[in-house]
Amino acid sequence: MNQSQMTPNQEKFQSAEQLWFWFLYSKSVRNDIGQYRGNAATRRVCELVDVETMITKLYLSGKLNAEQLSVIKEYGDRRRAPHQYIWRENHAAAVWDSAMRVIDTCARAKGWIE
């Protein structure tokens, strides 16, 4: 969905992390109950398939690697980012940050992040 297709009531994301957590949560809701069509849901500037396509393209182009995907999926499922000051999460936090920078750059170019 490009900016010309956006309607004024669609909300942009504040960060790549917010985009990622929204994507995983929305995907899990969709998988759990089928196609979710809640009236109270916030309309976003992109669809789940748009985010999935972006992540796939970033991976296939080599901008995201398998370790980054594994870390953002694992901690995304936990609904939190890894913490750099927790010893066992220190490496994952660095990997998470590098992946979020890649996603942020791409999502900002698409107009999904303010």
C-alpha atoms as a PDB file:
ATOM      1  CA  MET A   1       0.000   0.000   0.000  1.00  0.00           C
ATOM      2  CA  ASN A   2       1.614   3.263  -1.011  1.00  0.00           C
ATOM      3  CA  GLN A   3       1.033   6.705   0.462  1.00  0.00           C
ATOM      4  CA  SER A   4      -1.464   7.678  -2.221  1.00  0.00           C
ATOM      5  CA  GLN A   5      -3.654   4.759  -1.103  1.00  0.00           C
ATOM      6  CA  MET A   6      -3.548   5.772   2.573  1.00  0.00           C
ATOM      7  CA  THR A   7      -6.661   7.208   4.118  1.00  0.00           C
ATOM      8  CA  PRO A   8      -6.461   9.893   6.819  1.00  0.00           C
ATOM      9  CA  ASN A   9      -7.660   7.562   9.588  1.00  0.00           C
ATOM     10  CA  GLN A  10      -4.778   5.120   9.146  1.00  0.00           C
ATOM     11  CA  GLU A  11      -2.179   5.241  11.893  1.00  0.00           C
ATOM     12  CA  LYS A  12       1.562   5.016  11.288  1.00  0.00           C
ATOM     13  CA  PHE A  13       3.894   3.149  13.603  1.00  0.00           C
ATOM     14  CA  GLN A  14       6.190   4.903  16.050  1.00  0.00           C
ATOM     15  CA  SER A  15       9.112   2.481  15.592  1.00  0.00           C
ATOM     16  CA  ALA A  16      10.264  -0.706  13.916  1.00  0.00           C
ATOM     17  CA  GLU A  17       9.675  -2.537  17.201  1.00  0.00           C
ATOM     18  CA  GLN A  18       6.054  -1.392  17.315  1.00  0.00           C
ATOM     19  CA  LEU A  19       5.619  -2.524  13.693  1.00  0.00           C
ATOM     20  CA  TRP A  20       7.183  -5.917  14.449  1.00  0.00           C
ATOM     21  CA  PHE A  21       5.124  -6.559  17.593  1.00  0.00           C
ATOM     22  CA  TRP A  22       1.931  -5.482  15.782  1.00  0.00           C
ATOM     23  CA  PHE A  23       2.743  -7.848  12.923  1.00  0.00           C
ATOM     24  CA  LEU A  24       3.360 -10.876  15.159  1.00  0.00           C
ATOM     25  CA  TYR A  25       0.356 -10.193  17.377  1.00  0.00           C
ATOM     26  CA  SER A  26      -1.997  -9.599  14.440  1.00  0.00           C
ATOM     27  CA  LYS A  27      -0.714 -12.688  12.681  1.00  0.00           C
ATOM     28  CA  SER A  28      -1.289 -14.823  15.785  1.00  0.00           C
ATOM     29  CA  VAL A  29      -4.809 -13.427  16.175  1.00  0.00           C
ATOM     30  CA  ARG A  30      -5.549 -14.141  12.528  1.00  0.00           C
ATOM     31  CA  ASN A  31      -4.195 -17.666  12.841  1.00  0.00           C
ATOM     32  CA  ASP A  32      -6.166 -18.312  16.047  1.00  0.00           C
ATOM     33  CA  ILE A  33      -9.585 -17.068  14.967  1.00  0.00           C
ATOM     34  CA  GLY A  34      -9.451 -16.785  11.217  1.00  0.00           C
ATOM     35  CA  GLN A  35      -9.722 -13.479   9.421  1.00  0.00           C
ATOM     36  CA  TYR A  36     -10.040 -10.852  12.165  1.00  0.00           C
ATOM     37  CA  ARG A  37     -12.256  -7.905  11.346  1.00  0.00           C
ATOM     38  CA  GLY A  38     -12.702  -6.010  14.593  1.00  0.00           C
ATOM     39  CA  ASN A  39     -14.442  -2.640  14.454  1.00  0.00           C
ATOM     40  CA  ALA A  40     -12.378  -1.260  17.330  1.00  0.00           C
ATOM     41  CA  ALA A  41      -9.054  -2.203  15.740  1.00  0.00           C
ATOM     42  CA  THR A  42      -6.750   0.618  14.713  1.00  0.00           C
ATOM     43  CA  ARG A  43      -6.345   0.802  10.951  1.00  0.00           C
ATOM     44  CA  ARG A  44      -2.692   0.714  10.014  1.00  0.00           C
ATOM     45  CA  VAL A  45      -0.870   2.043   6.970  1.00  0.00           C
ATOM     46  CA  CYS A  46       0.006  -1.464   5.838  1.00  0.00           C
ATOM     47  CA  GLU A  47      -1.423  -4.955   5.867  1.00  0.00           C
ATOM     48  CA  LEU A  48       0.097  -8.107   7.361  1.00  0.00           C
ATOM     49  CA  VAL A  49       1.032  -9.350   3.899  1.00  0.00           C
ATOM     50  CA  ASP A  50       2.916  -6.074   3.258  1.00  0.00           C
ATOM     51  CA  VAL A  51       5.092  -6.610   6.328  1.00  0.00           C
ATOM     52  CA  GLU A  52       5.609 -10.272   5.516  1.00  0.00           C
ATOM     53  CA  THR A  53       6.657  -9.352   1.981  1.00  0.00           C
ATOM     54  CA  MET A  54       9.044  -6.671   3.256  1.00  0.00           C
ATOM     55  CA  ILE A  55      10.704  -9.095   5.713  1.00  0.00           C
ATOM     56  CA  THR A  56      11.009 -11.774   3.004  1.00  0.00           C
ATOM     57  CA  LYS A  57      12.601  -9.317   0.565  1.00  0.00           C
ATOM     58  CA  LEU A  58      15.022  -8.084   3.236  1.00  0.00           C
ATOM     59  CA  TYR A  59      16.052 -11.674   3.944  1.00  0.00           C
ATOM     60  CA  LEU A  60      16.379 -12.684   0.295  1.00  0.00           C
ATOM     61  CA  SER A  61      18.444  -9.582  -0.449  1.00  0.00           C
ATOM     62  CA  GLY A  62      20.793 -10.397   2.429  1.00  0.00           C
ATOM     63  CA  LYS A  63      19.903  -7.322   4.477  1.00  0.00           C
ATOM     64  CA  LEU A  64      18.485  -9.570   7.221  1.00  0.00           C
ATOM     65  CA  ASN A  65      20.144 -12.877   8.061  1.00  0.00           C
ATOM     66  CA  ALA A  66      18.863 -16.104   9.585  1.00  0.00           C
ATOM     67  CA  GLU A  67      20.179 -15.247  13.064  1.00  0.00           C
ATOM     68  CA  GLN A  68      18.388 -11.891  13.017  1.00  0.00           C
ATOM     69  CA  LEU A  69      15.139 -13.510  11.921  1.00  0.00           C
ATOM     70  CA  SER A  70      15.463 -16.136  14.625  1.00  0.00           C
ATOM     71  CA  VAL A  71      16.064 -13.548  17.361  1.00  0.00           C
ATOM     72  CA  ILE A  72      13.273 -11.174  16.335  1.00  0.00           C
ATOM     73  CA  LYS A  73      10.851 -14.105  16.069  1.00  0.00           C
ATOM     74  CA  GLU A  74      11.859 -15.620  19.420  1.00  0.00           C
ATOM     75  CA  TYR A  75      11.651 -12.360  21.356  1.00  0.00           C
ATOM     76  CA  GLY A  76       8.688 -11.144  19.350  1.00  0.00           C
ATOM     77  CA  ASP A  77       6.799 -14.233  20.497  1.00  0.00           C
ATOM     78  CA  ARG A  78       7.774 -13.304  24.061  1.00  0.00           C
ATOM     79  CA  ARG A  79       6.316  -9.832  23.363  1.00  0.00           C
ATOM     80  CA  ARG A  80       9.474  -8.052  24.454  1.00  0.00           C
ATOM     81  CA  ALA A  81      12.879  -7.119  23.144  1.00  0.00           C
ATOM     82  CA  PRO A  82      15.975  -8.784  24.590  1.00  0.00           C
ATOM     83  CA  HIS A  83      17.730  -6.675  27.210  1.00  0.00           C
ATOM     84  CA  GLN A  84      21.381  -5.754  26.741  1.00  0.00           C
ATOM     85  CA  TYR A  85      22.061  -5.741  30.492  1.00  0.00           C
ATOM     86  CA  ILE A  86      20.852  -9.292  31.067  1.00  0.00           C
ATOM     87  CA  TRP A  87      23.957 -11.383  30.476  1.00  0.00           C
ATOM     88  CA  ARG A  88      22.291 -14.278  28.647  1.00  0.00           C
ATOM     89  CA  GLU A  89      20.383 -11.831  26.402  1.00  0.00           C
ATOM     90  CA  ASN A  90      23.301  -9.512  25.625  1.00  0.00           C
ATOM     91  CA  HIS A  91      24.152 -11.008  22.223  1.00  0.00           C
ATOM     92  CA  ALA A  92      20.479 -11.315  21.271  1.00  0.00           C
ATOM     93  CA  ALA A  93      19.999  -7.626  22.123  1.00  0.00           C
ATOM     94  CA  ALA A  94      22.754  -6.626  19.694  1.00  0.00           C
ATOM     95  CA  VAL A  95      21.272  -8.857  16.981  1.00  0.00           C
ATOM     96  CA  TRP A  96      17.771  -7.458  17.695  1.00  0.00           C
ATOM     97  CA  ASP A  97      19.035  -3.861  17.419  1.00  0.00           C
ATOM     98  CA  SER A  98      20.751  -4.521  14.086  1.00  0.00           C
ATOM     99  CA  ALA A  99      17.608  -6.187  12.694  1.00  0.00           C
ATOM    100  CA  MET A 100      15.383  -3.349  13.900  1.00  0.00           C
ATOM    101  CA  ARG A 101      17.655  -0.787  12.195  1.00  0.00           C
ATOM    102  CA  VAL A 102      17.248  -2.645   8.883  1.00  0.00           C
ATOM    103  CA  ILE A 103      13.467  -2.921   9.300  1.00  0.00           C
ATOM    104  CA  ASP A 104      13.224   0.718  10.401  1.00  0.00           C
ATOM    105  CA  THR A 105      15.092   1.979   7.333  1.00  0.00           C
ATOM    106  CA  CYS A 106      12.890   0.007   4.952  1.00  0.00           C
ATOM    107  CA  ALA A 107       9.591   0.776   6.736  1.00  0.00           C
ATOM    108  CA  ARG A 108      10.387   4.511   6.900  1.00  0.00           C
ATOM    109  CA  ALA A 109      11.073   4.504   3.149  1.00  0.00           C
ATOM    110  CA  LYS A 110       7.611   2.975   2.682  1.00  0.00           C
ATOM    111  CA  GLY A 111       6.028   5.637   4.905  1.00  0.00           C
ATOM    112  CA  TRP A 112       4.920   3.193   7.603  1.00  0.00           C
ATOM    113  CA  ILE A 113       6.896   4.786  10.450  1.00  0.00           C
ATOM    114  CA  GLU A 114       6.608   8.427  11.501  1.00  0.00           C
END
